[in-house]
Amino acid sequence: MRQRAVKAVELMDDPDCDARRLQNTYRQFGVVNRALSGWRRLYVRELRPLMVAHKTPATLLDIGSGGGDLAHLLAGWARRDGLPLRVTGIDPDARATAYARGRPPKPGVEFRQAHSADLVREGGRFDFVISNHVLHHLSADELQQLLADSAALSTRKALHNDLRRSPAAYALFSAAALPFPHSYIRKDGLTSIRRSYTPAELAALAPPGWHVEATTAFHQVLALRRT
């Protein structure tokens, strides 16, 4: 835990991994993210106030959207609050995009197989750019590129929510993930914690204007705020 396990590989990233376990993993992510990732607090504190203040329909880009659960979750919260929000989820993995597109459709939510750099080249602009559990997958150079793309694509805020590496996080998730069988949730989740950054490591890599802040006991957000 003293150093990032930068060479550790998550099982679901293997193109030849078991398809049924992968499908179960995408499905179970919805439960895990709702319970543990802290996005309800981020939505209430960071996103909703700006959507209320600006009155106009907001746009949000979810980078590395995986199975699409967070995109659907955010769109649902906004709709219940009477706030128009259009969400675009992108992921370079064709399997994740196929799963997300196969979910029951939700108004204002779409998914693309793409990298953030693709949208920069297209001249894309969004009020909010977010990611969830993406940063720990990246090398230092890849992280810098993601942040540069996020700065280019966002007009109001960029929020990259990720795990914080610690022995406590590892031990507690090891126990908490036991009820998720026949998927990669537990094994890959533990690998993700080992690969994740400490706040000091993340702050050392953050360009000017970006700030590292705690969101939950075991999560942190790397944030760029323009308003």
C-alpha atoms as a PDB file:
ATOM      1  CA  MET A   1       0.000   0.000   0.000  1.00  0.00           C
ATOM      2  CA  ARG A   2       2.968   2.339   0.270  1.00  0.00           C
ATOM      3  CA  GLN A   3       3.315   2.470  -3.500  1.00  0.00           C
ATOM      4  CA  ARG A   4       0.823   2.254  -6.365  1.00  0.00           C
ATOM      5  CA  ALA A   5       0.571  -1.174  -7.933  1.00  0.00           C
ATOM      6  CA  VAL A   6       0.964   0.379 -11.363  1.00  0.00           C
ATOM      7  CA  LYS A   7       1.555  -2.952 -13.119  1.00  0.00           C
ATOM      8  CA  ALA A   8      -1.470  -4.715 -11.646  1.00  0.00           C
ATOM      9  CA  VAL A   9      -4.142  -5.479 -14.250  1.00  0.00           C
ATOM     10  CA  GLU A  10      -7.873  -5.721 -13.611  1.00  0.00           C
ATOM     11  CA  LEU A  11      -9.451  -8.931 -14.871  1.00  0.00           C
ATOM     12  CA  MET A  12     -12.306  -7.200 -16.679  1.00  0.00           C
ATOM     13  CA  ASP A  13      -9.794  -5.297 -18.821  1.00  0.00           C
ATOM     14  CA  ASP A  14      -8.746  -8.575 -20.455  1.00  0.00           C
ATOM     15  CA  PRO A  15     -10.443  -8.739 -23.891  1.00  0.00           C
ATOM     16  CA  ASP A  16     -10.836 -12.496 -23.369  1.00  0.00           C
ATOM     17  CA  CYS A  17     -12.373 -12.346 -19.896  1.00  0.00           C
ATOM     18  CA  ASP A  18     -15.519 -14.353 -19.158  1.00  0.00           C
ATOM     19  CA  ALA A  19     -18.438 -12.573 -20.834  1.00  0.00           C
ATOM     20  CA  ARG A  20     -21.026 -13.581 -18.225  1.00  0.00           C
ATOM     21  CA  ARG A  21     -18.873 -12.387 -15.336  1.00  0.00           C
ATOM     22  CA  LEU A  22     -18.262  -9.134 -17.197  1.00  0.00           C
ATOM     23  CA  GLN A  23     -21.996  -8.606 -17.701  1.00  0.00           C
ATOM     24  CA  ASN A  24     -22.590  -9.304 -14.006  1.00  0.00           C
ATOM     25  CA  THR A  25     -19.854  -6.808 -13.136  1.00  0.00           C
ATOM     26  CA  TYR A  26     -21.466  -4.038 -15.186  1.00  0.00           C
ATOM     27  CA  ARG A  27     -24.821  -4.821 -13.567  1.00  0.00           C
ATOM     28  CA  GLN A  28     -23.428  -4.887 -10.023  1.00  0.00           C
ATOM     29  CA  PHE A  29     -21.542  -1.623 -10.527  1.00  0.00           C
ATOM     30  CA  GLY A  30     -24.889   0.157 -10.201  1.00  0.00           C
ATOM     31  CA  VAL A  31     -25.296  -1.072  -6.630  1.00  0.00           C
ATOM     32  CA  VAL A  32     -21.670  -0.433  -5.685  1.00  0.00           C
ATOM     33  CA  ASN A  33     -21.524   3.071  -7.132  1.00  0.00           C
ATOM     34  CA  ARG A  34     -24.834   4.125  -5.602  1.00  0.00           C
ATOM     35  CA  ALA A  35     -23.742   2.882  -2.173  1.00  0.00           C
ATOM     36  CA  LEU A  36     -20.070   3.787  -2.040  1.00  0.00           C
ATOM     37  CA  SER A  37     -18.908   6.304  -4.652  1.00  0.00           C
ATOM     38  CA  GLY A  38     -20.376   9.461  -3.115  1.00  0.00           C
ATOM     39  CA  TRP A  39     -21.988  10.786  -6.287  1.00  0.00           C
ATOM     40  CA  ARG A  40     -25.237  11.784  -4.609  1.00  0.00           C
ATOM     41  CA  ARG A  41     -23.283  14.250  -2.481  1.00  0.00           C
ATOM     42  CA  LEU A  42     -21.335  15.507  -5.494  1.00  0.00           C
ATOM     43  CA  TYR A  43     -24.537  15.987  -7.470  1.00  0.00           C
ATOM     44  CA  VAL A  44     -26.201  17.952  -4.660  1.00  0.00           C
ATOM     45  CA  ARG A  45     -23.144  20.048  -3.841  1.00  0.00           C
ATOM     46  CA  GLU A  46     -21.437  20.542  -7.192  1.00  0.00           C
ATOM     47  CA  LEU A  47     -23.894  20.037 -10.050  1.00  0.00           C
ATOM     48  CA  ARG A  48     -27.429  20.849  -8.959  1.00  0.00           C
ATOM     49  CA  PRO A  49     -26.766  24.404  -7.703  1.00  0.00           C
ATOM     50  CA  LEU A  50     -25.315  25.450 -11.060  1.00  0.00           C
ATOM     51  CA  MET A  51     -28.147  23.839 -12.990  1.00  0.00           C
ATOM     52  CA  VAL A  52     -30.663  25.711 -10.831  1.00  0.00           C
ATOM     53  CA  ALA A  53     -28.825  29.029 -11.121  1.00  0.00           C
ATOM     54  CA  HIS A  54     -28.324  28.984 -14.880  1.00  0.00           C
ATOM     55  CA  LYS A  55     -31.874  27.866 -15.765  1.00  0.00           C
ATOM     56  CA  THR A  56     -30.868  26.615 -19.243  1.00  0.00           C
ATOM     57  CA  PRO A  57     -30.540  22.889 -20.079  1.00  0.00           C
ATOM     58  CA  ALA A  58     -27.179  21.566 -18.898  1.00  0.00           C
ATOM     59  CA  THR A  59     -24.878  19.103 -20.628  1.00  0.00           C
ATOM     60  CA  LEU A  60     -22.627  16.554 -18.950  1.00  0.00           C
ATOM     61  CA  LEU A  61     -19.903  14.278 -20.309  1.00  0.00           C
ATOM     62  CA  ASP A  62     -19.178  11.069 -18.391  1.00  0.00           C
ATOM     63  CA  ILE A  63     -15.710   9.856 -19.407  1.00  0.00           C
ATOM     64  CA  GLY A  64     -15.157   6.129 -19.000  1.00  0.00           C
ATOM     65  CA  SER A  65     -18.871   5.575 -18.482  1.00  0.00           C
ATOM     66  CA  GLY A  66     -18.594   1.781 -18.339  1.00  0.00           C
ATOM     67  CA  GLY A  67     -21.987   0.112 -18.089  1.00  0.00           C
ATOM     68  CA  GLY A  68     -23.763   3.454 -17.896  1.00  0.00           C
ATOM     69  CA  ASP A  69     -25.121   3.287 -14.357  1.00  0.00           C
ATOM     70  CA  LEU A  70     -23.779   6.676 -13.264  1.00  0.00           C
ATOM     71  CA  ALA A  71     -25.047   8.428 -16.396  1.00  0.00           C
ATOM     72  CA  HIS A  72     -28.513   7.040 -15.751  1.00  0.00           C
ATOM     73  CA  LEU A  73     -28.308   7.892 -12.064  1.00  0.00           C
ATOM     74  CA  LEU A  74     -27.390  11.543 -12.656  1.00  0.00           C
ATOM     75  CA  ALA A  75     -30.036  11.962 -15.344  1.00  0.00           C
ATOM     76  CA  GLY A  76     -32.642  10.481 -13.011  1.00  0.00           C
ATOM     77  CA  TRP A  77     -31.751  12.783 -10.126  1.00  0.00           C
ATOM     78  CA  ALA A  78     -31.871  15.828 -12.377  1.00  0.00           C
ATOM     79  CA  ARG A  79     -35.219  14.816 -13.841  1.00  0.00           C
ATOM     80  CA  ARG A  80     -36.744  14.354 -10.371  1.00  0.00           C
ATOM     81  CA  ASP A  81     -35.491  17.839  -9.502  1.00  0.00           C
ATOM     82  CA  GLY A  82     -37.134  19.246 -12.625  1.00  0.00           C
ATOM     83  CA  LEU A  83     -33.744  20.149 -14.140  1.00  0.00           C
ATOM     84  CA  PRO A  84     -33.068  19.423 -17.829  1.00  0.00           C
ATOM     85  CA  LEU A  85     -29.783  17.564 -18.230  1.00  0.00           C
ATOM     86  CA  ARG A  86     -28.339  15.885 -21.313  1.00  0.00           C
ATOM     87  CA  VAL A  87     -25.751  13.225 -20.497  1.00  0.00           C
ATOM     88  CA  THR A  88     -23.223  11.762 -22.927  1.00  0.00           C
ATOM     89  CA  GLY A  89     -21.307   8.707 -21.754  1.00  0.00           C
ATOM     90  CA  ILE A  90     -18.128   7.716 -23.569  1.00  0.00           C
ATOM     91  CA  ASP A  91     -15.945   4.655 -23.162  1.00  0.00           C
ATOM     92  CA  PRO A  92     -13.207   3.277 -25.436  1.00  0.00           C
ATOM     93  CA  ASP A  93     -14.248  -0.312 -24.623  1.00  0.00           C
ATOM     94  CA  ALA A  94     -16.759  -1.638 -27.162  1.00  0.00           C
ATOM     95  CA  ARG A  95     -18.083  -4.152 -24.623  1.00  0.00           C
ATOM     96  CA  ALA A  96     -18.947  -1.427 -22.112  1.00  0.00           C
ATOM     97  CA  THR A  97     -20.581   0.712 -24.783  1.00  0.00           C
ATOM     98  CA  ALA A  98     -22.661  -2.222 -26.006  1.00  0.00           C
ATOM     99  CA  TYR A  99     -23.854  -2.963 -22.472  1.00  0.00           C
ATOM    100  CA  ALA A 100     -24.706   0.690 -21.806  1.00  0.00           C
ATOM    101  CA  ARG A 101     -26.623   0.999 -25.069  1.00  0.00           C
ATOM    102  CA  GLY A 102     -28.509  -2.188 -24.238  1.00  0.00           C
ATOM    103  CA  ARG A 103     -29.938  -0.753 -21.014  1.00  0.00           C
ATOM    104  CA  PRO A 104     -33.550   0.465 -21.026  1.00  0.00           C
ATOM    105  CA  PRO A 105     -33.279   3.932 -22.594  1.00  0.00           C
ATOM    106  CA  LYS A 106     -33.529   7.047 -20.472  1.00  0.00           C
ATOM    107  CA  PRO A 107     -34.442  10.425 -21.998  1.00  0.00           C
ATOM    108  CA  GLY A 108     -31.448  12.694 -22.467  1.00  0.00           C
ATOM    109  CA  VAL A 109     -28.823   9.934 -22.084  1.00  0.00           C
ATOM    110  CA  GLU A 110     -26.650   8.629 -24.922  1.00  0.00           C
ATOM    111  CA  PHE A 111     -23.517   6.492 -25.126  1.00  0.00           C
ATOM    112  CA  ARG A 112     -20.611   6.485 -27.571  1.00  0.00           C
ATOM    113  CA  GLN A 113     -17.511   4.384 -27.997  1.00  0.00           C
ATOM    114  CA  ALA A 114     -14.898   7.128 -27.919  1.00  0.00           C
ATOM    115  CA  HIS A 115     -11.910   8.660 -26.138  1.00  0.00           C
ATOM    116  CA  SER A 116     -12.024  12.134 -24.642  1.00  0.00           C
ATOM    117  CA  ALA A 117      -9.469  13.212 -27.262  1.00  0.00           C
ATOM    118  CA  ASP A 118     -11.983  12.336 -29.986  1.00  0.00           C
ATOM    119  CA  LEU A 119     -14.452  14.842 -28.572  1.00  0.00           C
ATOM    120  CA  VAL A 120     -11.744  17.491 -28.260  1.00  0.00           C
ATOM    121  CA  ARG A 121     -10.961  17.073 -31.959  1.00  0.00           C
ATOM    122  CA  GLU A 122     -14.670  17.420 -32.707  1.00  0.00           C
ATOM    123  CA  GLY A 123     -14.825  20.691 -30.762  1.00  0.00           C
ATOM    124  CA  GLY A 124     -17.149  19.263 -28.114  1.00  0.00           C
ATOM    125  CA  ARG A 125     -18.130  21.444 -25.148  1.00  0.00           C
ATOM    126  CA  PHE A 126     -20.059  20.450 -22.024  1.00  0.00           C
ATOM    127  CA  ASP A 127     -21.088  22.277 -18.873  1.00  0.00           C
ATOM    128  CA  PHE A 128     -19.774  19.420 -16.750  1.00  0.00           C
ATOM    129  CA  VAL A 129     -17.122  16.782 -17.415  1.00  0.00           C
ATOM    130  CA  ILE A 130     -16.905  13.929 -14.937  1.00  0.00           C
ATOM    131  CA  SER A 131     -15.428  10.488 -14.457  1.00  0.00           C
ATOM    132  CA  ASN A 132     -15.823   7.802 -11.829  1.00  0.00           C
ATOM    133  CA  HIS A 133     -13.082   5.325 -10.907  1.00  0.00           C
ATOM    134  CA  VAL A 134     -11.046   6.147 -14.002  1.00  0.00           C
ATOM    135  CA  LEU A 135      -7.951   7.937 -12.683  1.00  0.00           C
ATOM    136  CA  HIS A 136      -6.382   4.854 -11.099  1.00  0.00           C
ATOM    137  CA  HIS A 137      -6.343   3.136 -14.492  1.00  0.00           C
ATOM    138  CA  LEU A 138      -4.056   5.819 -15.899  1.00  0.00           C
ATOM    139  CA  SER A 139      -0.319   6.375 -16.002  1.00  0.00           C
ATOM    140  CA  ALA A 140       0.985   9.818 -15.081  1.00  0.00           C
ATOM    141  CA  ASP A 141       1.132  10.834 -18.752  1.00  0.00           C
ATOM    142  CA  GLU A 142      -2.358   9.493 -19.436  1.00  0.00           C
ATOM    143  CA  LEU A 143      -3.673  11.359 -16.410  1.00  0.00           C
ATOM    144  CA  GLN A 144      -2.211  14.612 -17.697  1.00  0.00           C
ATOM    145  CA  GLN A 145      -3.857  14.038 -21.077  1.00  0.00           C
ATOM    146  CA  LEU A 146      -7.228  13.329 -19.479  1.00  0.00           C
ATOM    147  CA  LEU A 147      -7.022  16.539 -17.462  1.00  0.00           C
ATOM    148  CA  ALA A 148      -6.044  18.550 -20.521  1.00  0.00           C
ATOM    149  CA  ASP A 149      -8.984  17.079 -22.435  1.00  0.00           C
ATOM    150  CA  SER A 150     -11.306  17.771 -19.506  1.00  0.00           C
ATOM    151  CA  ALA A 151     -10.200  21.398 -19.338  1.00  0.00           C
ATOM    152  CA  ALA A 152     -10.807  21.777 -23.071  1.00  0.00           C
ATOM    153  CA  LEU A 153     -14.231  20.122 -22.965  1.00  0.00           C
ATOM    154  CA  SER A 154     -15.718  21.649 -19.794  1.00  0.00           C
ATOM    155  CA  THR A 155     -17.208  25.138 -19.459  1.00  0.00           C
ATOM    156  CA  ARG A 156     -18.212  25.067 -15.779  1.00  0.00           C
ATOM    157  CA  LYS A 157     -16.703  22.143 -13.859  1.00  0.00           C
ATOM    158  CA  ALA A 158     -14.682  18.979 -14.244  1.00  0.00           C
ATOM    159  CA  LEU A 159     -14.955  16.395 -11.464  1.00  0.00           C
ATOM    160  CA  HIS A 160     -12.928  13.182 -11.491  1.00  0.00           C
ATOM    161  CA  ASN A 161     -13.999  11.001  -8.589  1.00  0.00           C
ATOM    162  CA  ASP A 162     -11.732   8.116  -7.645  1.00  0.00           C
ATOM    163  CA  LEU A 163     -10.579   5.796  -4.895  1.00  0.00           C
ATOM    164  CA  ARG A 164      -8.049   6.707  -2.208  1.00  0.00           C
ATOM    165  CA  ARG A 165      -5.457   4.024  -1.523  1.00  0.00           C
ATOM    166  CA  SER A 166      -5.199   2.919   2.088  1.00  0.00           C
ATOM    167  CA  PRO A 167      -5.007  -0.330   4.084  1.00  0.00           C
ATOM    168  CA  ALA A 168      -8.401   0.459   5.633  1.00  0.00           C
ATOM    169  CA  ALA A 169     -10.045   0.883   2.239  1.00  0.00           C
ATOM    170  CA  TYR A 170      -8.579  -2.427   1.079  1.00  0.00           C
ATOM    171  CA  ALA A 171      -9.687  -4.340   4.178  1.00  0.00           C
ATOM    172  CA  LEU A 172     -13.198  -2.919   4.285  1.00  0.00           C
ATOM    173  CA  PHE A 173     -13.877  -3.394   0.577  1.00  0.00           C
ATOM    174  CA  SER A 174     -12.573  -6.953   0.770  1.00  0.00           C
ATOM    175  CA  ALA A 175     -15.346  -7.708   3.257  1.00  0.00           C
ATOM    176  CA  ALA A 176     -18.031  -5.470   1.736  1.00  0.00           C
ATOM    177  CA  ALA A 177     -17.681  -7.026  -1.734  1.00  0.00           C
ATOM    178  CA  LEU A 178     -18.292 -10.597  -0.586  1.00  0.00           C
ATOM    179  CA  PRO A 179     -22.045 -10.399  -1.462  1.00  0.00           C
ATOM    180  CA  PHE A 180     -21.215  -9.832  -5.171  1.00  0.00           C
ATOM    181  CA  PRO A 181     -20.523 -13.323  -6.579  1.00  0.00           C
ATOM    182  CA  HIS A 182     -19.937 -14.448 -10.154  1.00  0.00           C
ATOM    183  CA  SER A 183     -18.397 -11.142 -11.210  1.00  0.00           C
ATOM    184  CA  TYR A 184     -15.119  -9.244 -11.108  1.00  0.00           C
ATOM    185  CA  ILE A 185     -16.320  -6.733  -8.521  1.00  0.00           C
ATOM    186  CA  ARG A 186     -14.282  -7.985  -5.575  1.00  0.00           C
ATOM    187  CA  LYS A 187     -11.018  -8.980  -7.262  1.00  0.00           C
ATOM    188  CA  ASP A 188     -10.908  -5.968  -9.547  1.00  0.00           C
ATOM    189  CA  GLY A 189     -12.056  -3.634  -6.790  1.00  0.00           C
ATOM    190  CA  LEU A 190      -9.127  -4.692  -4.620  1.00  0.00           C
ATOM    191  CA  THR A 191      -6.769  -4.259  -7.570  1.00  0.00           C
ATOM    192  CA  SER A 192      -8.256  -0.807  -8.161  1.00  0.00           C
ATOM    193  CA  ILE A 193      -7.529   0.221  -4.580  1.00  0.00           C
ATOM    194  CA  ARG A 194      -3.933  -0.953  -4.934  1.00  0.00           C
ATOM    195  CA  ARG A 195      -3.620   1.051  -8.170  1.00  0.00           C
ATOM    196  CA  SER A 196      -5.279   4.187  -6.813  1.00  0.00           C
ATOM    197  CA  TYR A 197      -3.535   7.399  -5.782  1.00  0.00           C
ATOM    198  CA  THR A 198      -3.115   8.861  -2.337  1.00  0.00           C
ATOM    199  CA  PRO A 199      -4.200  12.520  -2.055  1.00  0.00           C
ATOM    200  CA  ALA A 200      -0.564  13.633  -1.977  1.00  0.00           C
ATOM    201  CA  GLU A 201       0.318  11.633  -5.090  1.00  0.00           C
ATOM    202  CA  LEU A 202      -2.663  13.001  -6.973  1.00  0.00           C
ATOM    203  CA  ALA A 203      -2.007  16.581  -5.882  1.00  0.00           C
ATOM    204  CA  ALA A 204       1.589  16.303  -7.072  1.00  0.00           C
ATOM    205  CA  LEU A 205       0.353  15.447 -10.577  1.00  0.00           C
ATOM    206  CA  ALA A 206      -2.462  17.995 -10.725  1.00  0.00           C
ATOM    207  CA  PRO A 207      -1.911  21.013 -13.023  1.00  0.00           C
ATOM    208  CA  PRO A 208      -2.585  24.543 -11.738  1.00  0.00           C
ATOM    209  CA  GLY A 209      -6.272  25.169 -11.098  1.00  0.00           C
ATOM    210  CA  TRP A 210      -7.052  21.569 -10.164  1.00  0.00           C
ATOM    211  CA  HIS A 211      -7.741  20.652  -6.526  1.00  0.00           C
ATOM    212  CA  VAL A 212      -7.795  17.311  -4.692  1.00  0.00           C
ATOM    213  CA  GLU A 213     -10.593  17.019  -2.126  1.00  0.00           C
ATOM    214  CA  ALA A 214     -12.038  14.207  -0.019  1.00  0.00           C
ATOM    215  CA  THR A 215     -15.570  13.152  -0.959  1.00  0.00           C
ATOM    216  CA  THR A 216     -16.138  10.073   1.222  1.00  0.00           C
ATOM    217  CA  ALA A 217     -13.972   8.167   3.673  1.00  0.00           C
ATOM    218  CA  PHE A 218     -12.309   6.277   0.832  1.00  0.00           C
ATOM    219  CA  HIS A 219     -12.852   8.537  -2.189  1.00  0.00           C
ATOM    220  CA  GLN A 220     -11.371  11.764  -3.478  1.00  0.00           C
ATOM    221  CA  VAL A 221     -12.243  14.136  -6.295  1.00  0.00           C
ATOM    222  CA  LEU A 222      -9.865  16.000  -8.567  1.00  0.00           C
ATOM    223  CA  ALA A 223     -11.804  19.145  -9.436  1.00  0.00           C
ATOM    224  CA  LEU A 224     -11.538  22.067 -11.819  1.00  0.00           C
ATOM    225  CA  ARG A 225     -14.118  24.805 -11.174  1.00  0.00           C
ATOM    226  CA  ARG A 226     -14.689  27.705 -13.538  1.00  0.00           C
ATOM    227  CA  THR A 227     -17.703  29.182 -11.709  1.00  0.00           C
END
